[in-house]
Amino acid sequence: MKVKTKIIDVNINTPKLSYAKEGDAGIDLTATSKWYDENGNVCFGTNRAFEIPKGFVGLLFPRSSNAKKDLLLSNSVGVLDSGYRGEVMFKFKFSNCDYSENTYEIGDKVGQIIILPYPQIEFEEAEELSETERGNGGYGSTGN
């Protein structure tokens, strides 16, 4: 499957997109800009826009190397809808609640995108739902 991608500013060094290893699900995205928003989050632009086909979604995740940083992706998983054509950005909160120097810099791989198909769901109101073994057991109901 081919997905169109656009470099927004051709004057900014933006690495070519490719899988790091055969069989990888995510493609790393690199920071091309960095700023802090009004809430103290650190934000990174990637200088990339995507044309995700209808019926597909781009999911934005932190990379596993994020465990070495004092950062949490602010929305846990970003959702890149097929109609969005703007720059892909990552916004992180500091995990230690204080400004930290243990962050990414321009040129670092800051996140990854995985593009997946999804079904269009039609919801149907019902007065009853089928019975299951779990039932309405919520948080922690299946054990530790």
Foldseek 3Di string as FASTA:
>chain_A
DDKDKDQQDPVFDADDWDDPDPPDQWIFAFFRDWDADPVRKIKGWRSMFIQADPQKKKKKAFDPCCVQAQWAFPVRIDIHHNVDGDTDMTIIDGNVNDDDPRDDDGGDRTIIIGMDGDDDDDDDDDPDDDDDPCRPDDPQSVHD
